[in-house]
Amino acid sequence: MPNIKAAEKWQRQTERRSKRNLDMKTRLKTLFRKAKTNPDQASAVEAQFDKAARKGIIHPNKAARKKARLTRAIRAVTAAAAAAAAAPAATTTRKRTTKKK
């Protein structure tokens, strides 16, 4: 327990800031996961990462790394969707053979 009255206030401020920062970090993780499957949300998520970096909630390099990984994931999803749309669904049939006794 702090002996100085101002230190008590610093402690309360730190607790509030830590909670707010943790909430924002959790929100960023959720947005990141959702944006990986839904490319329409990518620009909004990138803006949120930039905002968090500006406010000091996360490191600027972490924001850049997450944005790069998000872009890479979205490209993979869109490429897979394009490949699935371009290639017709091939059905494979197996030749039935009789066992020799």
C-alpha atoms as a PDB file:
ATOM      1  CA  MET A   1       0.000   0.000   0.000  1.00  0.00           C
ATOM      2  CA  PRO A   2       1.451   3.387  -0.949  1.00  0.00           C
ATOM      3  CA  ASN A   3       2.294   5.870   1.770  1.00  0.00           C
ATOM      4  CA  ILE A   4       1.864   8.910  -0.465  1.00  0.00           C
ATOM      5  CA  LYS A   5      -1.613  10.053  -1.437  1.00  0.00           C
ATOM      6  CA  ALA A   6      -0.541  10.786  -5.022  1.00  0.00           C
ATOM      7  CA  ALA A   7       0.857   7.252  -5.290  1.00  0.00           C
ATOM      8  CA  GLU A   8      -2.605   5.885  -4.495  1.00  0.00           C
ATOM      9  CA  LYS A   9      -3.974   7.878  -7.413  1.00  0.00           C
ATOM     10  CA  TRP A  10      -1.167   6.637  -9.681  1.00  0.00           C
ATOM     11  CA  GLN A  11      -2.107   3.113  -8.715  1.00  0.00           C
ATOM     12  CA  ARG A  12      -5.778   3.689  -9.609  1.00  0.00           C
ATOM     13  CA  GLN A  13      -4.799   5.304 -12.911  1.00  0.00           C
ATOM     14  CA  THR A  14      -2.514   2.398 -13.773  1.00  0.00           C
ATOM     15  CA  GLU A  15      -5.287  -0.115 -13.084  1.00  0.00           C
ATOM     16  CA  ARG A  16      -7.730   1.787 -15.309  1.00  0.00           C
ATOM     17  CA  ARG A  17      -5.191   2.107 -18.128  1.00  0.00           C
ATOM     18  CA  SER A  18      -4.194  -1.548 -17.898  1.00  0.00           C
ATOM     19  CA  LYS A  19      -7.819  -2.648 -18.136  1.00  0.00           C
ATOM     20  CA  ARG A  20      -8.475  -0.353 -21.101  1.00  0.00           C
ATOM     21  CA  ASN A  21      -5.328  -1.542 -22.879  1.00  0.00           C
ATOM     22  CA  LEU A  22      -6.181  -5.195 -22.271  1.00  0.00           C
ATOM     23  CA  ASP A  23      -9.703  -4.641 -23.629  1.00  0.00           C
ATOM     24  CA  MET A  24      -8.271  -3.027 -26.761  1.00  0.00           C
ATOM     25  CA  LYS A  25      -5.728  -5.803 -27.285  1.00  0.00           C
ATOM     26  CA  THR A  26      -8.443  -8.444 -26.951  1.00  0.00           C
ATOM     27  CA  ARG A  27     -10.633  -6.533 -29.395  1.00  0.00           C
ATOM     28  CA  LEU A  28      -7.758  -6.332 -31.893  1.00  0.00           C
ATOM     29  CA  LYS A  29      -7.224 -10.091 -31.711  1.00  0.00           C
ATOM     30  CA  THR A  30     -10.915 -10.721 -32.364  1.00  0.00           C
ATOM     31  CA  LEU A  31     -11.015  -8.273 -35.269  1.00  0.00           C
ATOM     32  CA  PHE A  32      -7.881  -9.859 -36.737  1.00  0.00           C
ATOM     33  CA  ARG A  33      -9.387 -13.358 -36.600  1.00  0.00           C
ATOM     34  CA  LYS A  34     -12.653 -12.225 -38.182  1.00  0.00           C
ATOM     35  CA  ALA A  35     -10.918 -10.205 -40.917  1.00  0.00           C
ATOM     36  CA  LYS A  36      -8.830 -13.208 -41.983  1.00  0.00           C
ATOM     37  CA  THR A  37     -11.967 -14.880 -43.283  1.00  0.00           C
ATOM     38  CA  ASN A  38     -13.817 -11.711 -44.349  1.00  0.00           C
ATOM     39  CA  PRO A  39     -11.617  -9.526 -46.610  1.00  0.00           C
ATOM     40  CA  ASP A  40     -14.154  -6.666 -46.577  1.00  0.00           C
ATOM     41  CA  GLN A  41     -13.166  -5.724 -43.016  1.00  0.00           C
ATOM     42  CA  ALA A  42      -9.424  -5.561 -43.696  1.00  0.00           C
ATOM     43  CA  SER A  43      -9.068  -1.788 -44.053  1.00  0.00           C
ATOM     44  CA  ALA A  44     -11.024  -1.128 -40.864  1.00  0.00           C
ATOM     45  CA  VAL A  45      -8.879  -3.595 -38.928  1.00  0.00           C
ATOM     46  CA  GLU A  46      -5.675  -2.039 -40.265  1.00  0.00           C
ATOM     47  CA  ALA A  47      -6.909   1.364 -39.130  1.00  0.00           C
ATOM     48  CA  GLN A  48      -7.556  -0.034 -35.642  1.00  0.00           C
ATOM     49  CA  PHE A  49      -4.006  -1.427 -35.482  1.00  0.00           C
ATOM     50  CA  ASP A  50      -2.607   1.962 -36.515  1.00  0.00           C
ATOM     51  CA  LYS A  51      -4.720   3.710 -33.898  1.00  0.00           C
ATOM     52  CA  ALA A  52      -3.557   1.327 -31.163  1.00  0.00           C
ATOM     53  CA  ALA A  53       0.062   1.898 -32.184  1.00  0.00           C
ATOM     54  CA  ARG A  54      -0.409   5.683 -32.111  1.00  0.00           C
ATOM     55  CA  LYS A  55      -1.890   5.532 -28.618  1.00  0.00           C
ATOM     56  CA  GLY A  56       0.924   3.308 -27.348  1.00  0.00           C
ATOM     57  CA  ILE A  57      -1.243   0.275 -26.659  1.00  0.00           C
ATOM     58  CA  ILE A  58       0.878  -1.890 -28.962  1.00  0.00           C
ATOM     59  CA  HIS A  59       4.302  -1.330 -30.491  1.00  0.00           C
ATOM     60  CA  PRO A  60       4.308   0.197 -34.005  1.00  0.00           C
ATOM     61  CA  ASN A  61       6.334  -2.733 -35.338  1.00  0.00           C
ATOM     62  CA  LYS A  62       3.738  -5.157 -34.002  1.00  0.00           C
ATOM     63  CA  ALA A  63       1.007  -3.212 -35.783  1.00  0.00           C
ATOM     64  CA  ALA A  64       2.970  -3.361 -39.042  1.00  0.00           C
ATOM     65  CA  ARG A  65       3.623  -7.084 -38.610  1.00  0.00           C
ATOM     66  CA  LYS A  66      -0.048  -7.835 -37.927  1.00  0.00           C
ATOM     67  CA  LYS A  67      -1.149  -5.790 -40.948  1.00  0.00           C
ATOM     68  CA  ALA A  68       1.313  -7.652 -43.170  1.00  0.00           C
ATOM     69  CA  ARG A  69       0.135 -11.028 -41.879  1.00  0.00           C
ATOM     70  CA  LEU A  70      -3.478 -10.014 -42.386  1.00  0.00           C
ATOM     71  CA  THR A  71      -2.780  -8.983 -45.974  1.00  0.00           C
ATOM     72  CA  ARG A  72      -1.000 -12.279 -46.636  1.00  0.00           C
ATOM     73  CA  ALA A  73      -3.880 -14.266 -45.130  1.00  0.00           C
ATOM     74  CA  ILE A  74      -6.471 -12.369 -47.165  1.00  0.00           C
ATOM     75  CA  ARG A  75      -4.516 -12.947 -50.373  1.00  0.00           C
ATOM     76  CA  ALA A  76      -4.413 -16.670 -49.616  1.00  0.00           C
ATOM     77  CA  VAL A  77      -8.162 -16.770 -48.958  1.00  0.00           C
ATOM     78  CA  THR A  78      -9.015 -14.868 -52.125  1.00  0.00           C
ATOM     79  CA  ALA A  79      -6.615 -16.985 -54.208  1.00  0.00           C
ATOM     80  CA  ALA A  80      -8.164 -20.175 -52.853  1.00  0.00           C
ATOM     81  CA  ALA A  81     -11.656 -18.859 -53.573  1.00  0.00           C
ATOM     82  CA  ALA A  82     -10.657 -17.880 -57.108  1.00  0.00           C
ATOM     83  CA  ALA A  83      -9.085 -21.279 -57.723  1.00  0.00           C
ATOM     84  CA  ALA A  84     -12.176 -23.041 -56.419  1.00  0.00           C
ATOM     85  CA  ALA A  85     -14.421 -20.932 -58.640  1.00  0.00           C
ATOM     86  CA  ALA A  86     -12.249 -21.454 -61.734  1.00  0.00           C
ATOM     87  CA  ALA A  87     -11.828 -25.216 -61.430  1.00  0.00           C
ATOM     88  CA  PRO A  88     -14.955 -27.301 -61.849  1.00  0.00           C
ATOM     89  CA  ALA A  89     -15.682 -29.790 -59.136  1.00  0.00           C
ATOM     90  CA  ALA A  90     -13.992 -32.947 -60.308  1.00  0.00           C
ATOM     91  CA  THR A  91     -15.534 -36.199 -59.251  1.00  0.00           C
ATOM     92  CA  THR A  92     -13.298 -39.156 -58.848  1.00  0.00           C
ATOM     93  CA  THR A  93     -14.529 -42.644 -59.448  1.00  0.00           C
ATOM     94  CA  ARG A  94     -12.794 -45.736 -58.297  1.00  0.00           C
ATOM     95  CA  LYS A  95     -12.541 -48.781 -60.437  1.00  0.00           C
ATOM     96  CA  ARG A  96     -13.934 -51.784 -58.649  1.00  0.00           C
ATOM     97  CA  THR A  97     -11.816 -54.838 -58.771  1.00  0.00           C
ATOM     98  CA  THR A  98     -12.510 -58.301 -57.573  1.00  0.00           C
ATOM     99  CA  LYS A  99     -10.113 -59.960 -55.226  1.00  0.00           C
ATOM    100  CA  LYS A 100      -8.321 -63.017 -56.454  1.00  0.00           C
ATOM    101  CA  LYS A 101      -8.554 -65.989 -54.192  1.00  0.00           C
END
